[in-house]
Amino acid sequence: MFSFSEKSAKRLKTCHKDLQKLFAEVAKTYDCTVIEGHRDEATQDRYFQQGQSKLQWPNSKHNSSPSVAVDVAPCVGGKISFDDRQCAAFGGYVKGVAQQLGIKIRWGGDWDGDNDINDQSFNDLVHFELR
């Protein structure tokens, strides 16, 4: 069983209770770290200008309070991994746990939810949001 660091737990607390429930369950069996929950206006606009987000403030699901989006990355061997294959495996795992819990999510590696991860024009493999 894994547990979140203090920093990850604090970030997750900025998120909707369903995301908190989902990732508390995921973290029981899959080591991961919360990168970001809620985003303020300056951060969102900076990400937009840098091309890290397609949306300006207040249109991202990260901008609501509580946030209905969260960025979570898998940890492999105790280190954060942004490897596409590791993130895809993690994304599938999270989707499965969400389905078991009855929580409807959308993953940034399969925006249209068709289970084809090769038809995306913008990948955000650490992004999960409530639908």
C-alpha atoms as a PDB file:
ATOM      1  CA  MET A   1       0.000   0.000   0.000  1.00  0.00           C
ATOM      2  CA  PHE A   2       1.234   3.449  -0.931  1.00  0.00           C
ATOM      3  CA  SER A   3       0.373   6.834   0.511  1.00  0.00           C
ATOM      4  CA  PHE A   4       0.581  10.388  -0.714  1.00  0.00           C
ATOM      5  CA  SER A   5       3.276  12.758   0.446  1.00  0.00           C
ATOM      6  CA  GLU A   6       2.129  15.750   2.456  1.00  0.00           C
ATOM      7  CA  LYS A   7       2.482  17.941  -0.656  1.00  0.00           C
ATOM      8  CA  SER A   8       0.391  15.589  -2.823  1.00  0.00           C
ATOM      9  CA  ALA A   9      -2.282  15.274  -0.123  1.00  0.00           C
ATOM     10  CA  LYS A  10      -2.494  19.062   0.142  1.00  0.00           C
ATOM     11  CA  ARG A  11      -2.881  19.410  -3.631  1.00  0.00           C
ATOM     12  CA  LEU A  12      -5.534  16.687  -3.756  1.00  0.00           C
ATOM     13  CA  LYS A  13      -7.553  18.494  -1.072  1.00  0.00           C
ATOM     14  CA  THR A  14      -8.113  21.343  -3.564  1.00  0.00           C
ATOM     15  CA  CYS A  15     -10.110  18.891  -5.704  1.00  0.00           C
ATOM     16  CA  HIS A  16     -13.704  17.712  -5.762  1.00  0.00           C
ATOM     17  CA  LYS A  17     -14.504  14.984  -3.227  1.00  0.00           C
ATOM     18  CA  ASP A  18     -14.998  12.406  -6.014  1.00  0.00           C
ATOM     19  CA  LEU A  19     -11.433  12.983  -7.248  1.00  0.00           C
ATOM     20  CA  GLN A  20     -10.190  12.726  -3.675  1.00  0.00           C
ATOM     21  CA  LYS A  21     -12.054   9.429  -3.249  1.00  0.00           C
ATOM     22  CA  LEU A  22     -10.798   8.079  -6.582  1.00  0.00           C
ATOM     23  CA  PHE A  23      -7.131   8.834  -6.027  1.00  0.00           C
ATOM     24  CA  ALA A  24      -7.190   7.707  -2.399  1.00  0.00           C
ATOM     25  CA  GLU A  25      -8.326   4.341  -3.767  1.00  0.00           C
ATOM     26  CA  VAL A  26      -5.783   4.361  -6.618  1.00  0.00           C
ATOM     27  CA  ALA A  27      -2.952   5.159  -4.193  1.00  0.00           C
ATOM     28  CA  LYS A  28      -3.696   2.033  -2.175  1.00  0.00           C
ATOM     29  CA  THR A  29      -2.190  -0.109  -4.936  1.00  0.00           C
ATOM     30  CA  TYR A  30      -0.432   2.226  -7.397  1.00  0.00           C
ATOM     31  CA  ASP A  31       2.328   4.616  -6.383  1.00  0.00           C
ATOM     32  CA  CYS A  32       1.592   8.083  -7.765  1.00  0.00           C
ATOM     33  CA  THR A  33       1.983  11.772  -7.059  1.00  0.00           C
ATOM     34  CA  VAL A  34      -0.451  14.673  -7.348  1.00  0.00           C
ATOM     35  CA  ILE A  35       1.101  17.369  -9.496  1.00  0.00           C
ATOM     36  CA  GLU A  36      -1.728  19.877  -9.392  1.00  0.00           C
ATOM     37  CA  GLY A  37      -5.366  20.336  -8.473  1.00  0.00           C
ATOM     38  CA  HIS A  38      -6.796  23.847  -8.409  1.00  0.00           C
ATOM     39  CA  ARG A  39      -5.075  26.501 -10.541  1.00  0.00           C
ATOM     40  CA  ASP A  40      -5.272  30.222  -9.936  1.00  0.00           C
ATOM     41  CA  GLU A  41      -5.677  32.741 -12.745  1.00  0.00           C
ATOM     42  CA  ALA A  42      -1.982  33.591 -13.125  1.00  0.00           C
ATOM     43  CA  THR A  43      -0.943  29.937 -13.315  1.00  0.00           C
ATOM     44  CA  GLN A  44      -3.681  29.038 -15.799  1.00  0.00           C
ATOM     45  CA  ASP A  45      -2.841  31.959 -18.069  1.00  0.00           C
ATOM     46  CA  ARG A  46       0.881  31.135 -17.901  1.00  0.00           C
ATOM     47  CA  TYR A  47       0.189  27.521 -18.897  1.00  0.00           C
ATOM     48  CA  PHE A  48      -1.977  28.748 -21.775  1.00  0.00           C
ATOM     49  CA  GLN A  49       0.739  31.125 -23.022  1.00  0.00           C
ATOM     50  CA  GLN A  50       3.347  28.346 -22.790  1.00  0.00           C
ATOM     51  CA  GLY A  51       1.113  25.913 -24.711  1.00  0.00           C
ATOM     52  CA  GLN A  52       0.725  23.600 -21.728  1.00  0.00           C
ATOM     53  CA  SER A  53      -3.032  24.221 -21.688  1.00  0.00           C
ATOM     54  CA  LYS A  54      -5.524  24.842 -24.455  1.00  0.00           C
ATOM     55  CA  LEU A  55      -7.745  26.936 -22.181  1.00  0.00           C
ATOM     56  CA  GLN A  56      -7.453  30.373 -20.588  1.00  0.00           C
ATOM     57  CA  TRP A  57      -8.784  31.328 -17.163  1.00  0.00           C
ATOM     58  CA  PRO A  58     -11.540  30.558 -16.086  1.00  0.00           C
ATOM     59  CA  ASN A  59     -12.341  27.890 -18.674  1.00  0.00           C
ATOM     60  CA  SER A  60     -10.157  25.034 -17.408  1.00  0.00           C
ATOM     61  CA  LYS A  61     -11.680  22.457 -15.104  1.00  0.00           C
ATOM     62  CA  HIS A  62      -8.677  23.151 -12.863  1.00  0.00           C
ATOM     63  CA  ASN A  63     -10.027  26.671 -12.241  1.00  0.00           C
ATOM     64  CA  SER A  64     -13.142  25.795 -10.246  1.00  0.00           C
ATOM     65  CA  SER A  65     -13.011  25.535  -6.493  1.00  0.00           C
ATOM     66  CA  PRO A  66     -12.975  22.741  -5.664  1.00  0.00           C
ATOM     67  CA  SER A  67     -11.191  21.722  -8.831  1.00  0.00           C
ATOM     68  CA  VAL A  68     -12.939  19.147 -11.012  1.00  0.00           C
ATOM     69  CA  ALA A  69      -9.606  18.272 -12.640  1.00  0.00           C
ATOM     70  CA  VAL A  70      -6.357  16.937 -11.266  1.00  0.00           C
ATOM     71  CA  ASP A  71      -2.939  16.124 -12.699  1.00  0.00           C
ATOM     72  CA  VAL A  72      -1.493  12.906 -11.272  1.00  0.00           C
ATOM     73  CA  ALA A  73       1.597  11.049 -12.463  1.00  0.00           C
ATOM     74  CA  PRO A  74       2.652   7.473 -11.770  1.00  0.00           C
ATOM     75  CA  CYS A  75       5.761   6.740  -9.760  1.00  0.00           C
ATOM     76  CA  VAL A  76       7.994   3.920 -10.903  1.00  0.00           C
ATOM     77  CA  GLY A  77      10.730   2.742  -8.575  1.00  0.00           C
ATOM     78  CA  GLY A  78       9.883   5.634  -6.264  1.00  0.00           C
ATOM     79  CA  LYS A  79      10.403   8.273  -8.991  1.00  0.00           C
ATOM     80  CA  ILE A  80       7.839  10.306 -10.895  1.00  0.00           C
ATOM     81  CA  SER A  81       7.463   9.038 -14.461  1.00  0.00           C
ATOM     82  CA  PHE A  82       6.250  11.054 -17.431  1.00  0.00           C
ATOM     83  CA  ASP A  83       7.037   8.206 -19.826  1.00  0.00           C
ATOM     84  CA  ASP A  84       4.173   7.860 -22.331  1.00  0.00           C
ATOM     85  CA  ARG A  85       3.806   4.111 -21.816  1.00  0.00           C
ATOM     86  CA  GLN A  86       3.905   4.353 -18.031  1.00  0.00           C
ATOM     87  CA  CYS A  87       1.336   7.158 -18.099  1.00  0.00           C
ATOM     88  CA  ALA A  88      -0.907   5.202 -20.483  1.00  0.00           C
ATOM     89  CA  ALA A  89      -0.815   2.160 -18.204  1.00  0.00           C
ATOM     90  CA  PHE A  90      -1.587   4.388 -15.224  1.00  0.00           C
ATOM     91  CA  GLY A  91      -4.406   6.136 -17.094  1.00  0.00           C
ATOM     92  CA  GLY A  92      -6.021   2.799 -17.868  1.00  0.00           C
ATOM     93  CA  TYR A  93      -5.699   1.747 -14.251  1.00  0.00           C
ATOM     94  CA  VAL A  94      -7.286   4.972 -13.000  1.00  0.00           C
ATOM     95  CA  LYS A  95     -10.137   4.612 -15.497  1.00  0.00           C
ATOM     96  CA  GLY A  96     -10.779   1.080 -14.218  1.00  0.00           C
ATOM     97  CA  VAL A  97     -10.838   2.136 -10.574  1.00  0.00           C
ATOM     98  CA  ALA A  98     -13.126   5.056 -11.431  1.00  0.00           C
ATOM     99  CA  GLN A  99     -15.528   2.698 -13.172  1.00  0.00           C
ATOM    100  CA  GLN A 100     -15.565   0.386 -10.143  1.00  0.00           C
ATOM    101  CA  LEU A 101     -16.382   3.360  -7.898  1.00  0.00           C
ATOM    102  CA  GLY A 102     -19.043   4.720 -10.255  1.00  0.00           C
ATOM    103  CA  ILE A 103     -17.098   7.952 -10.824  1.00  0.00           C
ATOM    104  CA  LYS A 104     -17.238   9.256 -14.390  1.00  0.00           C
ATOM    105  CA  ILE A 105     -13.929  10.679 -15.540  1.00  0.00           C
ATOM    106  CA  ARG A 106     -12.197  11.778 -18.691  1.00  0.00           C
ATOM    107  CA  TRP A 107      -8.470  11.177 -19.172  1.00  0.00           C
ATOM    108  CA  GLY A 108      -6.166  13.502 -21.115  1.00  0.00           C
ATOM    109  CA  GLY A 109      -4.760  10.607 -23.137  1.00  0.00           C
ATOM    110  CA  ASP A 110      -8.171   9.687 -24.548  1.00  0.00           C
ATOM    111  CA  TRP A 111     -10.238  12.878 -24.605  1.00  0.00           C
ATOM    112  CA  ASP A 112     -13.045  11.379 -26.679  1.00  0.00           C
ATOM    113  CA  GLY A 113     -13.245   8.228 -24.553  1.00  0.00           C
ATOM    114  CA  ASP A 114     -13.127   5.810 -27.486  1.00  0.00           C
ATOM    115  CA  ASN A 115     -10.200   3.809 -26.014  1.00  0.00           C
ATOM    116  CA  ASP A 116      -7.983   4.770 -28.966  1.00  0.00           C
ATOM    117  CA  ILE A 117      -5.027   6.699 -27.591  1.00  0.00           C
ATOM    118  CA  ASN A 118      -3.594   7.331 -31.063  1.00  0.00           C
ATOM    119  CA  ASP A 119      -6.328   9.684 -32.303  1.00  0.00           C
ATOM    120  CA  GLN A 120      -5.556  12.645 -30.049  1.00  0.00           C
ATOM    121  CA  SER A 121      -4.283  16.013 -31.247  1.00  0.00           C
ATOM    122  CA  PHE A 122      -3.295  17.112 -27.725  1.00  0.00           C
ATOM    123  CA  ASN A 123      -2.110  14.664 -25.091  1.00  0.00           C
ATOM    124  CA  ASP A 124      -2.140  15.486 -21.409  1.00  0.00           C
ATOM    125  CA  LEU A 125      -1.344  12.065 -20.012  1.00  0.00           C
ATOM    126  CA  VAL A 126      -1.369  13.114 -16.349  1.00  0.00           C
ATOM    127  CA  HIS A 127      -4.752  14.913 -16.580  1.00  0.00           C
ATOM    128  CA  PHE A 128      -7.974  13.472 -15.154  1.00  0.00           C
ATOM    129  CA  GLU A 129     -11.269  15.337 -14.890  1.00  0.00           C
ATOM    130  CA  LEU A 130     -14.813  14.633 -13.795  1.00  0.00           C
ATOM    131  CA  ARG A 131     -17.386  14.295 -16.565  1.00  0.00           C
END
